[in-house]
Protein backbone atom coordinates (compact mmCIF):
# COMPACT_ATOMS: atom_id res chain seq x y z
CA MET A 1 39.54 -83.72 -25.28
CA PHE A 2 36.26 -85.38 -24.72
CA LYS A 3 34.26 -84.87 -21.65
CA PRO A 4 33.99 -87.96 -19.69
CA LEU A 5 30.87 -89.94 -19.50
CA ASP A 6 29.30 -90.92 -16.44
CA PRO A 7 29.83 -94.63 -15.99
CA LEU A 8 26.77 -95.03 -14.07
CA LEU A 9 24.53 -93.59 -16.81
CA HIS A 10 26.48 -95.42 -19.36
CA SER A 11 24.57 -98.65 -18.83
CA GLU A 12 21.49 -99.09 -21.22
CA LEU A 13 19.11 -100.10 -18.46
CA ARG A 14 20.19 -97.39 -16.01
CA LEU A 15 20.00 -94.83 -18.89
CA ALA A 16 16.53 -96.07 -19.79
CA VAL A 17 15.36 -95.89 -16.17
CA MET A 18 16.53 -92.28 -16.07
CA SER A 19 15.04 -91.42 -19.27
CA LEU A 20 11.63 -92.60 -18.22
CA LEU A 21 11.76 -90.87 -14.87
CA LEU A 22 12.67 -87.59 -16.43
CA GLY A 23 9.12 -87.70 -18.23
CA VAL A 24 7.13 -88.37 -15.41
CA GLU A 25 6.68 -87.26 -11.49
CA GLU A 26 7.16 -90.95 -10.47
CA ALA A 27 6.93 -94.44 -11.83
CA ASP A 28 6.22 -97.67 -10.22
CA PHE A 29 8.55 -100.81 -10.49
CA VAL A 30 6.28 -102.73 -12.77
CA TYR A 31 5.77 -99.63 -15.04
CA ILE A 32 9.70 -99.33 -15.41
CA LYS A 33 9.94 -103.22 -15.79
CA GLU A 34 7.43 -103.13 -18.68
CA GLN A 35 8.78 -100.17 -20.47
CA THR A 36 12.48 -101.47 -20.24
CA GLY A 37 11.80 -105.14 -20.77
CA ALA A 38 14.18 -105.82 -17.91
CA THR A 39 14.05 -108.80 -15.56
CA ALA A 40 12.91 -108.09 -12.06
CA GLY A 41 16.22 -108.95 -10.47
CA ASN A 42 18.43 -107.00 -12.94
CA LEU A 43 16.05 -103.84 -12.62
CA SER A 44 16.25 -104.07 -8.79
CA VAL A 45 20.12 -104.25 -8.90
CA GLN A 46 19.95 -101.19 -11.23
CA ILE A 47 17.42 -99.08 -9.30
CA ASP A 48 19.58 -99.78 -6.27
CA LYS A 49 22.81 -98.40 -7.83
CA LEU A 50 20.84 -95.28 -9.10
CA SER A 51 19.45 -94.76 -5.54
CA THR A 52 22.85 -95.01 -3.80
CA ALA A 53 24.10 -92.58 -6.20
CA GLY A 54 21.61 -90.31 -5.15
CA TYR A 55 20.06 -90.08 -8.92
CA ILE A 56 16.79 -91.43 -7.83
CA GLU A 57 14.49 -91.78 -4.85
CA VAL A 58 12.84 -95.03 -3.92
CA GLU A 59 9.84 -95.33 -1.69
CA LYS A 60 8.44 -98.76 -0.91
CA LYS A 61 4.97 -98.96 0.33
CA PHE A 62 1.92 -101.20 0.31
CA VAL A 63 -1.26 -100.52 -1.69
CA GLY A 64 -3.71 -102.59 -0.14
CA LYS A 65 -1.75 -105.95 0.58
CA ARG A 66 0.36 -105.47 -2.48
CA PRO A 67 4.03 -103.98 -2.32
CA CYS A 68 4.63 -101.18 -4.27
CA THR A 69 8.03 -99.58 -5.30
CA LEU A 70 7.99 -95.94 -6.47
CA CYS A 71 10.76 -94.33 -8.10
CA ARG A 72 11.47 -90.45 -8.76
CA ILE A 73 14.33 -88.66 -10.18
CA THR A 74 16.31 -86.40 -7.83
CA PRO A 75 17.73 -82.84 -8.76
CA LYS A 76 21.23 -84.55 -8.73
CA GLY A 77 19.96 -87.19 -11.08
CA VAL A 78 18.34 -84.56 -13.49
CA GLU A 79 22.01 -82.72 -13.40
CA ALA A 80 23.83 -85.91 -14.09
CA PHE A 81 21.65 -86.77 -16.82
CA ASP A 82 22.00 -83.27 -18.54
CA ASN A 83 25.76 -83.36 -18.05
CA TYR A 84 25.69 -86.99 -19.56
CA VAL A 85 23.73 -85.57 -22.64
CA GLU A 86 26.02 -82.77 -23.04
CA SER A 87 29.02 -85.10 -22.97
CA LEU A 88 27.56 -87.20 -25.65
CA LYS A 89 26.94 -84.12 -27.88
CA ASP A 90 30.56 -83.40 -27.29
CA TYR A 91 31.54 -86.97 -28.71
CA LEU A 92 29.03 -86.30 -31.71
CA ASN A 93 30.33 -82.62 -32.25
CA VAL A 94 26.92 -81.22 -31.76
CA LYS A 95 26.34 -78.07 -30.18
């Protein structure tokens, strides 16, 4: 029997966001948008879903007069990502 895949991470954009955040301490919205090629509206919705699940933390602040949204992966997000990867390995029969 296959391990279930986390439906929250089984979205291409949410998986891309999580993958980016795994490799950095934090990333701002503009950087994530540029790296994923997502529209601002779609990215905003997906970040909100990851934040609501507790997979990422979102900090909104101003740098000078410009708004800045920073995202960081949480320990819960790292665990969810690791579990997702292990589930995929099961599907691919890779150990």
